[in-house]
Amino acid sequence: MALTKETTSSIVVKYGEKDTDTGNVKVQIALLTERIKQLTEHSNTFPKDASAKRALLKVVGQRRKMLKYYEHKDLEGYRAFIKELGLRK
């Protein structure tokens, strides 16, 4: 259920300023988005898995907080990033 090292490293390279830039807001949001995709797929496959649903809600809340922070920090960058990830808002 966790992200693989290859997936994580590719996201960090794509959205980070450096290859080791895992603390960047954009990188963290992209990683959370990938995790949400995995948990959503798992929840659709196993609808009675309550712990996966709870984990999904928790990760969605974390991403929402990060997006709110990024929106206040850099509005134009936020709008471009939302379009790039394909998120609604």
PDB file of N, CA and C in Angstrom:
ATOM      1  N   MET A   1       0.808  -1.194   0.000  1.00  0.00           N
ATOM      2  CA  MET A   1       0.000   0.000   0.000  1.00  0.00           C
ATOM      3  C   MET A   1       0.857   1.266   0.000  1.00  0.00           C
ATOM      4  N   ALA A   2       2.065   1.180   0.479  1.00  0.00           N
ATOM      5  CA  ALA A   2       2.920   2.372   0.518  1.00  0.00           C
ATOM      6  C   ALA A   2       3.490   2.668  -0.872  1.00  0.00           C
ATOM      7  N   LEU A   3       3.952   3.878  -1.030  1.00  0.00           N
ATOM      8  CA  LEU A   3       4.567   4.260  -2.299  1.00  0.00           C
ATOM      9  C   LEU A   3       5.920   3.571  -2.439  1.00  0.00           C
ATOM     10  N   THR A   4       6.250   3.147  -3.636  1.00  0.00           N
ATOM     11  CA  THR A   4       7.539   2.515  -3.863  1.00  0.00           C
ATOM     12  C   THR A   4       8.630   3.575  -3.935  1.00  0.00           C
ATOM     13  N   LYS A   5       9.854   3.133  -3.781  1.00  0.00           N
ATOM     14  CA  LYS A   5      10.980   4.067  -3.838  1.00  0.00           C
ATOM     15  C   LYS A   5      11.088   4.714  -5.213  1.00  0.00           C
ATOM     16  N   GLU A   6      10.799   3.945  -6.252  1.00  0.00           N
ATOM     17  CA  GLU A   6      10.883   4.473  -7.612  1.00  0.00           C
ATOM     18  C   GLU A   6       9.847   5.572  -7.835  1.00  0.00           C
ATOM     19  N   THR A   7       8.630   5.326  -7.367  1.00  0.00           N
ATOM     20  CA  THR A   7       7.568   6.318  -7.507  1.00  0.00           C
ATOM     21  C   THR A   7       7.911   7.588  -6.741  1.00  0.00           C
ATOM     22  N   THR A   8       8.362   7.419  -5.515  1.00  0.00           N
ATOM     23  CA  THR A   8       8.713   8.561  -4.683  1.00  0.00           C
ATOM     24  C   THR A   8       9.842   9.371  -5.299  1.00  0.00           C
ATOM     25  N   SER A   9      10.879   8.683  -5.752  1.00  0.00           N
ATOM     26  CA  SER A   9      12.025   9.398  -6.325  1.00  0.00           C
ATOM     27  C   SER A   9      11.643  10.108  -7.620  1.00  0.00           C
ATOM     28  N   SER A  10      10.773   9.516  -8.428  1.00  0.00           N
ATOM     29  CA  SER A  10      10.368  10.177  -9.666  1.00  0.00           C
ATOM     30  C   SER A  10       9.541  11.431  -9.382  1.00  0.00           C
ATOM     31  N   ILE A  11       8.701  11.379  -8.361  1.00  0.00           N
ATOM     32  CA  ILE A  11       7.917  12.555  -7.980  1.00  0.00           C
ATOM     33  C   ILE A  11       8.822  13.642  -7.431  1.00  0.00           C
ATOM     34  N   VAL A  12       9.805  13.264  -6.624  1.00  0.00           N
ATOM     35  CA  VAL A  12      10.739  14.242  -6.056  1.00  0.00           C
ATOM     36  C   VAL A  12      11.548  14.912  -7.157  1.00  0.00           C
ATOM     37  N   VAL A  13      11.996  14.142  -8.126  1.00  0.00           N
ATOM     38  CA  VAL A  13      12.767  14.712  -9.239  1.00  0.00           C
ATOM     39  C   VAL A  13      11.894  15.640 -10.076  1.00  0.00           C
ATOM     40  N   LYS A  14      10.630  15.264 -10.290  1.00  0.00           N
ATOM     41  CA  LYS A  14       9.743  16.053 -11.138  1.00  0.00           C
ATOM     42  C   LYS A  14       9.352  17.380 -10.494  1.00  0.00           C
ATOM     43  N   TYR A  15       9.004  17.370  -9.209  1.00  0.00           N
ATOM     44  CA  TYR A  15       8.453  18.561  -8.572  1.00  0.00           C
ATOM     45  C   TYR A  15       9.430  19.290  -7.655  1.00  0.00           C
ATOM     46  N   GLY A  16      10.530  18.660  -7.280  1.00  0.00           N
ATOM     47  CA  GLY A  16      11.481  19.300  -6.381  1.00  0.00           C
ATOM     48  C   GLY A  16      12.488  20.157  -7.113  1.00  0.00           C
ATOM     49  N   GLU A  17      13.128  21.043  -6.349  1.00  0.00           N
ATOM     50  CA  GLU A  17      14.168  21.878  -6.938  1.00  0.00           C
ATOM     51  C   GLU A  17      15.467  21.106  -7.082  1.00  0.00           C
ATOM     52  N   LYS A  18      15.695  20.154  -6.162  1.00  0.00           N
ATOM     53  CA  LYS A  18      16.853  19.266  -6.214  1.00  0.00           C
ATOM     54  C   LYS A  18      16.349  17.831  -6.136  1.00  0.00           C
ATOM     55  N   ASP A  19      17.251  16.878  -6.354  1.00  0.00           N
ATOM     56  CA  ASP A  19      16.859  15.469  -6.301  1.00  0.00           C
ATOM     57  C   ASP A  19      16.531  15.008  -4.884  1.00  0.00           C
ATOM     58  N   THR A  20      17.039  15.724  -3.877  1.00  0.00           N
ATOM     59  CA  THR A  20      16.821  15.330  -2.489  1.00  0.00           C
ATOM     60  C   THR A  20      15.863  16.280  -1.775  1.00  0.00           C
ATOM     61  N   ASP A  21      15.088  17.036  -2.522  1.00  0.00           N
ATOM     62  CA  ASP A  21      14.217  18.064  -1.971  1.00  0.00           C
ATOM     63  C   ASP A  21      12.855  17.485  -1.599  1.00  0.00           C
ATOM     64  N   THR A  22      12.819  16.659  -0.548  1.00  0.00           N
ATOM     65  CA  THR A  22      11.570  16.008  -0.165  1.00  0.00           C
ATOM     66  C   THR A  22      10.708  16.881   0.727  1.00  0.00           C
ATOM     67  N   GLY A  23      11.239  17.967   1.266  1.00  0.00           N
ATOM     68  CA  GLY A  23      10.478  18.829   2.149  1.00  0.00           C
ATOM     69  C   GLY A  23       9.728  19.928   1.432  1.00  0.00           C
ATOM     70  N   ASN A  24       9.928  20.061   0.147  1.00  0.00           N
ATOM     71  CA  ASN A  24       9.252  21.090  -0.636  1.00  0.00           C
ATOM     72  C   ASN A  24       7.743  20.844  -0.603  1.00  0.00           C
ATOM     73  N   VAL A  25       6.980  21.931  -0.523  1.00  0.00           N
ATOM     74  CA  VAL A  25       5.524  21.823  -0.429  1.00  0.00           C
ATOM     75  C   VAL A  25       4.948  21.120  -1.657  1.00  0.00           C
ATOM     76  N   LYS A  26       5.444  21.465  -2.834  1.00  0.00           N
ATOM     77  CA  LYS A  26       4.936  20.845  -4.058  1.00  0.00           C
ATOM     78  C   LYS A  26       5.198  19.345  -4.061  1.00  0.00           C
ATOM     79  N   VAL A  27       6.359  18.934  -3.603  1.00  0.00           N
ATOM     80  CA  VAL A  27       6.700  17.516  -3.564  1.00  0.00           C
ATOM     81  C   VAL A  27       5.793  16.787  -2.587  1.00  0.00           C
ATOM     82  N   GLN A  28       5.577  17.369  -1.416  1.00  0.00           N
ATOM     83  CA  GLN A  28       4.732  16.726  -0.420  1.00  0.00           C
ATOM     84  C   GLN A  28       3.296  16.597  -0.907  1.00  0.00           C
ATOM     85  N   ILE A  29       2.784  17.626  -1.567  1.00  0.00           N
ATOM     86  CA  ILE A  29       1.417  17.562  -2.099  1.00  0.00           C
ATOM     87  C   ILE A  29       1.319  16.496  -3.191  1.00  0.00           C
ATOM     88  N   ALA A  30       2.314  16.425  -4.054  1.00  0.00           N
ATOM     89  CA  ALA A  30       2.300  15.418  -5.120  1.00  0.00           C
ATOM     90  C   ALA A  30       2.372  14.004  -4.547  1.00  0.00           C
ATOM     91  N   LEU A  31       3.171  13.813  -3.503  1.00  0.00           N
ATOM     92  CA  LEU A  31       3.254  12.497  -2.865  1.00  0.00           C
ATOM     93  C   LEU A  31       1.931  12.128  -2.199  1.00  0.00           C
ATOM     94  N   LEU A  32       1.314  13.088  -1.539  1.00  0.00           N
ATOM     95  CA  LEU A  32       0.012  12.819  -0.924  1.00  0.00           C
ATOM     96  C   LEU A  32      -1.043  12.511  -1.978  1.00  0.00           C
ATOM     97  N   THR A  33      -0.982  13.193  -3.112  1.00  0.00           N
ATOM     98  CA  THR A  33      -1.933  12.933  -4.193  1.00  0.00           C
ATOM     99  C   THR A  33      -1.780  11.518  -4.724  1.00  0.00           C
ATOM    100  N   GLU A  34      -0.556  11.076  -4.896  1.00  0.00           N
ATOM    101  CA  GLU A  34      -0.308   9.707  -5.361  1.00  0.00           C
ATOM    102  C   GLU A  34      -0.818   8.692  -4.340  1.00  0.00           C
ATOM    103  N   ARG A  35      -0.610   8.980  -3.070  1.00  0.00           N
ATOM    104  CA  ARG A  35      -1.085   8.100  -2.002  1.00  0.00           C
ATOM    105  C   ARG A  35      -2.613   8.049  -1.996  1.00  0.00           C
ATOM    106  N   ILE A  36      -3.251   9.186  -2.236  1.00  0.00           N
ATOM    107  CA  ILE A  36      -4.716   9.234  -2.285  1.00  0.00           C
ATOM    108  C   ILE A  36      -5.242   8.396  -3.439  1.00  0.00           C
ATOM    109  N   LYS A  37      -4.567   8.447  -4.570  1.00  0.00           N
ATOM    110  CA  LYS A  37      -4.980   7.622  -5.711  1.00  0.00           C
ATOM    111  C   LYS A  37      -4.924   6.143  -5.360  1.00  0.00           C
ATOM    112  N   GLN A  38      -3.856   5.728  -4.695  1.00  0.00           N
ATOM    113  CA  GLN A  38      -3.718   4.324  -4.308  1.00  0.00           C
ATOM    114  C   GLN A  38      -4.798   3.914  -3.304  1.00  0.00           C
ATOM    115  N   LEU A  39      -5.031   4.761  -2.299  1.00  0.00           N
ATOM    116  CA  LEU A  39      -6.030   4.423  -1.289  1.00  0.00           C
ATOM    117  C   LEU A  39      -7.440   4.411  -1.866  1.00  0.00           C
ATOM    118  N   THR A  40      -7.719   5.293  -2.814  1.00  0.00           N
ATOM    119  CA  THR A  40      -9.030   5.311  -3.450  1.00  0.00           C
ATOM    120  C   THR A  40      -9.260   4.029  -4.240  1.00  0.00           C
ATOM    121  N   GLU A  41      -8.255   3.617  -4.969  1.00  0.00           N
ATOM    122  CA  GLU A  41      -8.355   2.357  -5.728  1.00  0.00           C
ATOM    123  C   GLU A  41      -8.568   1.179  -4.782  1.00  0.00           C
ATOM    124  N   HIS A  42      -7.826   1.168  -3.673  1.00  0.00           N
ATOM    125  CA  HIS A  42      -7.964   0.087  -2.698  1.00  0.00           C
ATOM    126  C   HIS A  42      -9.363   0.086  -2.074  1.00  0.00           C
ATOM    127  N   SER A  43      -9.875   1.267  -1.750  1.00  0.00           N
ATOM    128  CA  SER A  43     -11.205   1.361  -1.140  1.00  0.00           C
ATOM    129  C   SER A  43     -12.304   0.926  -2.101  1.00  0.00           C
ATOM    130  N   ASN A  44     -12.114   1.186  -3.387  1.00  0.00           N
ATOM    131  CA  ASN A  44     -13.093   0.731  -4.375  1.00  0.00           C
ATOM    132  C   ASN A  44     -13.052  -0.784  -4.539  1.00  0.00           C
ATOM    133  N   THR A  45     -11.863  -1.369  -4.414  1.00  0.00           N
ATOM    134  CA  THR A  45     -11.728  -2.812  -4.539  1.00  0.00           C
ATOM    135  C   THR A  45     -12.250  -3.533  -3.298  1.00  0.00           C
ATOM    136  N   PHE A  46     -11.952  -2.963  -2.113  1.00  0.00           N
ATOM    137  CA  PHE A  46     -12.349  -3.566  -0.841  1.00  0.00           C
ATOM    138  C   PHE A  46     -13.225  -2.577  -0.064  1.00  0.00           C
ATOM    139  N   PRO A  47     -14.521  -2.522  -0.374  1.00  0.00           N
ATOM    140  CA  PRO A  47     -15.383  -1.495   0.213  1.00  0.00           C
ATOM    141  C   PRO A  47     -15.601  -1.632   1.724  1.00  0.00           C
ATOM    142  N   LYS A  48     -15.366  -2.795   2.308  1.00  0.00           N
ATOM    143  CA  LYS A  48     -15.590  -2.976   3.747  1.00  0.00           C
ATOM    144  C   LYS A  48     -14.346  -2.714   4.588  1.00  0.00           C
ATOM    145  N   ASP A  49     -13.269  -2.295   3.969  1.00  0.00           N
ATOM    146  CA  ASP A  49     -12.024  -2.022   4.687  1.00  0.00           C
ATOM    147  C   ASP A  49     -12.113  -0.633   5.329  1.00  0.00           C
ATOM    148  N   ALA A  50     -12.542  -0.607   6.578  1.00  0.00           N
ATOM    149  CA  ALA A  50     -12.763   0.664   7.274  1.00  0.00           C
ATOM    150  C   ALA A  50     -11.457   1.380   7.573  1.00  0.00           C
ATOM    151  N   SER A  51     -10.396   0.647   7.842  1.00  0.00           N
ATOM    152  CA  SER A  51      -9.119   1.300   8.165  1.00  0.00           C
ATOM    153  C   SER A  51      -8.544   2.014   6.947  1.00  0.00           C
ATOM    154  N   ALA A  52      -8.764   1.465   5.769  1.00  0.00           N
ATOM    155  CA  ALA A  52      -8.291   2.132   4.553  1.00  0.00           C
ATOM    156  C   ALA A  52      -9.094   3.407   4.302  1.00  0.00           C
ATOM    157  N   LYS A  53     -10.377   3.382   4.577  1.00  0.00           N
ATOM    158  CA  LYS A  53     -11.201   4.581   4.416  1.00  0.00           C
ATOM    159  C   LYS A  53     -10.770   5.663   5.394  1.00  0.00           C
ATOM    160  N   ARG A  54     -10.458   5.259   6.621  1.00  0.00           N
ATOM    161  CA  ARG A  54     -10.010   6.215   7.626  1.00  0.00           C
ATOM    162  C   ARG A  54      -8.668   6.815   7.212  1.00  0.00           C
ATOM    163  N   ALA A  55      -7.772   5.975   6.722  1.00  0.00           N
ATOM    164  CA  ALA A  55      -6.468   6.463   6.257  1.00  0.00           C
ATOM    165  C   ALA A  55      -6.636   7.423   5.084  1.00  0.00           C
ATOM    166  N   LEU A  56      -7.573   7.118   4.200  1.00  0.00           N
ATOM    167  CA  LEU A  56      -7.838   7.995   3.055  1.00  0.00           C
ATOM    168  C   LEU A  56      -8.311   9.368   3.522  1.00  0.00           C
ATOM    169  N   LEU A  57      -9.231   9.398   4.471  1.00  0.00           N
ATOM    170  CA  LEU A  57      -9.715  10.674   4.989  1.00  0.00           C
ATOM    171  C   LEU A  57      -8.603  11.465   5.668  1.00  0.00           C
ATOM    172  N   LYS A  58      -7.734  10.769   6.355  1.00  0.00           N
ATOM    173  CA  LYS A  58      -6.620  11.430   7.037  1.00  0.00           C
ATOM    174  C   LYS A  58      -5.655  12.055   6.036  1.00  0.00           C
ATOM    175  N   VAL A  59      -5.325  11.332   4.985  1.00  0.00           N
ATOM    176  CA  VAL A  59      -4.394  11.829   3.966  1.00  0.00           C
ATOM    177  C   VAL A  59      -5.019  12.990   3.185  1.00  0.00           C
ATOM    178  N   VAL A  60      -6.326  12.899   2.911  1.00  0.00           N
ATOM    179  CA  VAL A  60      -7.009  13.986   2.211  1.00  0.00           C
ATOM    180  C   VAL A  60      -6.965  15.258   3.049  1.00  0.00           C
ATOM    181  N   GLY A  61      -7.146  15.126   4.363  1.00  0.00           N
ATOM    182  CA  GLY A  61      -7.061  16.277   5.252  1.00  0.00           C
ATOM    183  C   GLY A  61      -5.674  16.895   5.275  1.00  0.00           C
ATOM    184  N   GLN A  62      -4.657  16.042   5.273  1.00  0.00           N
ATOM    185  CA  GLN A  62      -3.278  16.547   5.240  1.00  0.00           C
ATOM    186  C   GLN A  62      -3.018  17.318   3.961  1.00  0.00           C
ATOM    187  N   ARG A  63      -3.481  16.754   2.835  1.00  0.00           N
ATOM    188  CA  ARG A  63      -3.258  17.428   1.558  1.00  0.00           C
ATOM    189  C   ARG A  63      -4.015  18.749   1.492  1.00  0.00           C
ATOM    190  N   ARG A  64      -5.216  18.773   2.038  1.00  0.00           N
ATOM    191  CA  ARG A  64      -5.994  20.007   2.042  1.00  0.00           C
ATOM    192  C   ARG A  64      -5.268  21.113   2.817  1.00  0.00           C
ATOM    193  N   LYS A  65      -4.698  20.773   3.962  1.00  0.00           N
ATOM    194  CA  LYS A  65      -3.947  21.745   4.754  1.00  0.00           C
ATOM    195  C   LYS A  65      -2.732  22.257   3.985  1.00  0.00           C
ATOM    196  N   MET A  66      -2.028  21.342   3.330  1.00  0.00           N
ATOM    197  CA  MET A  66      -0.852  21.742   2.560  1.00  0.00           C
ATOM    198  C   MET A  66      -1.239  22.638   1.385  1.00  0.00           C
ATOM    199  N   LEU A  67      -2.337  22.298   0.705  1.00  0.00           N
ATOM    200  CA  LEU A  67      -2.794  23.121  -0.410  1.00  0.00           C
ATOM    201  C   LEU A  67      -3.196  24.517   0.064  1.00  0.00           C
ATOM    202  N   LYS A  68      -3.823  24.585   1.214  1.00  0.00           N
ATOM    203  CA  LYS A  68      -4.219  25.881   1.767  1.00  0.00           C
ATOM    204  C   LYS A  68      -2.980  26.723   2.073  1.00  0.00           C
ATOM    205  N   TYR A  69      -1.960  26.102   2.651  1.00  0.00           N
ATOM    206  CA  TYR A  69      -0.708  26.798   2.939  1.00  0.00           C
ATOM    207  C   TYR A  69      -0.059  27.301   1.652  1.00  0.00           C
ATOM    208  N   TYR A  70      -0.001  26.436   0.642  1.00  0.00           N
ATOM    209  CA  TYR A  70       0.640  26.804  -0.618  1.00  0.00           C
ATOM    210  C   TYR A  70      -0.138  27.901  -1.333  1.00  0.00           C
ATOM    211  N   GLU A  71      -1.464  27.880  -1.192  1.00  0.00           N
ATOM    212  CA  GLU A  71      -2.295  28.919  -1.799  1.00  0.00           C
ATOM    213  C   GLU A  71      -1.978  30.285  -1.192  1.00  0.00           C
ATOM    214  N   HIS A  72      -1.783  30.330   0.112  1.00  0.00           N
ATOM    215  CA  HIS A  72      -1.463  31.596   0.768  1.00  0.00           C
ATOM    216  C   HIS A  72      -0.033  32.036   0.478  1.00  0.00           C
ATOM    217  N   LYS A  73       0.842  31.074   0.274  1.00  0.00           N
ATOM    218  CA  LYS A  73       2.258  31.383   0.041  1.00  0.00           C
ATOM    219  C   LYS A  73       2.503  31.910  -1.368  1.00  0.00           C
ATOM    220  N   ASP A  74       1.920  31.240  -2.380  1.00  0.00           N
ATOM    221  CA  ASP A  74       2.173  31.602  -3.779  1.00  0.00           C
ATOM    222  C   ASP A  74       0.923  31.266  -4.593  1.00  0.00           C
ATOM    223  N   LEU A  75       0.073  32.269  -4.814  1.00  0.00           N
ATOM    224  CA  LEU A  75      -1.214  32.027  -5.452  1.00  0.00           C
ATOM    225  C   LEU A  75      -1.073  31.584  -6.905  1.00  0.00           C
ATOM    226  N   GLU A  76      -0.246  32.241  -7.673  1.00  0.00           N
ATOM    227  CA  GLU A  76      -0.074  31.876  -9.088  1.00  0.00           C
ATOM    228  C   GLU A  76       0.558  30.488  -9.230  1.00  0.00           C
ATOM    229  N   GLY A  77       1.547  30.201  -8.408  1.00  0.00           N
ATOM    230  CA  GLY A  77       2.153  28.875  -8.425  1.00  0.00           C
ATOM    231  C   GLY A  77       1.165  27.799  -8.027  1.00  0.00           C
ATOM    232  N   TYR A  78       0.311  28.128  -7.073  1.00  0.00           N
ATOM    233  CA  TYR A  78      -0.731  27.206  -6.618  1.00  0.00           C
ATOM    234  C   TYR A  78      -1.685  26.869  -7.754  1.00  0.00           C
ATOM    235  N   ARG A  79      -2.140  27.887  -8.470  1.00  0.00           N
ATOM    236  CA  ARG A  79      -3.084  27.658  -9.565  1.00  0.00           C
ATOM    237  C   ARG A  79      -2.468  26.795 -10.666  1.00  0.00           C
ATOM    238  N   ALA A  80      -1.218  27.071 -10.991  1.00  0.00           N
ATOM    239  CA  ALA A  80      -0.536  26.275 -12.017  1.00  0.00           C
ATOM    240  C   ALA A  80      -0.339  24.835 -11.545  1.00  0.00           C
ATOM    241  N   PHE A  81      -0.008  24.675 -10.278  1.00  0.00           N
ATOM    242  CA  PHE A  81       0.253  23.350  -9.722  1.00  0.00           C
ATOM    243  C   PHE A  81      -1.033  22.504  -9.675  1.00  0.00           C
ATOM    244  N   ILE A  82      -2.152  23.144  -9.340  1.00  0.00           N
ATOM    245  CA  ILE A  82      -3.438  22.436  -9.303  1.00  0.00           C
ATOM    246  C   ILE A  82      -3.794  21.919 -10.698  1.00  0.00           C
ATOM    247  N   LYS A  83      -3.568  22.756 -11.704  1.00  0.00           N
ATOM    248  CA  LYS A  83      -3.853  22.328 -13.083  1.00  0.00           C
ATOM    249  C   LYS A  83      -2.932  21.187 -13.490  1.00  0.00           C
ATOM    250  N   GLU A  84      -1.669  21.279 -13.083  1.00  0.00           N
ATOM    251  CA  GLU A  84      -0.691  20.247 -13.433  1.00  0.00           C
ATOM    252  C   GLU A  84      -1.053  18.893 -12.822  1.00  0.00           C
ATOM    253  N   LEU A  85      -1.518  18.909 -11.575  1.00  0.00           N
ATOM    254  CA  LEU A  85      -1.902  17.667 -10.926  1.00  0.00           C
ATOM    255  C   LEU A  85      -3.287  17.180 -11.340  1.00  0.00           C
ATOM    256  N   GLY A  86      -4.084  18.081 -11.902  1.00  0.00           N
ATOM    257  CA  GLY A  86      -5.423  17.696 -12.327  1.00  0.00           C
ATOM    258  C   GLY A  86      -6.411  17.654 -11.193  1.00  0.00           C
ATOM    259  N   LEU A  87      -6.223  18.503 -10.202  1.00  0.00           N
ATOM    260  CA  LEU A  87      -7.144  18.553  -9.059  1.00  0.00           C
ATOM    261  C   LEU A  87      -8.248  19.553  -9.326  1.00  0.00           C
ATOM    262  N   ARG A  88      -9.406  19.306  -8.791  1.00  0.00           N
ATOM    263  CA  ARG A  88     -10.512  20.241  -8.931  1.00  0.00           C
ATOM    264  C   ARG A  88     -10.391  21.308  -7.851  1.00  0.00           C
ATOM    265  N   LYS A  89     -10.786  22.507  -8.184  1.00  0.00           N
ATOM    266  CA  LYS A  89     -10.865  23.574  -7.197  1.00  0.00           C
ATOM    267  C   LYS A  89     -11.259  24.857  -7.870  1.00  0.00           C
TER     268      LYS A  89
END
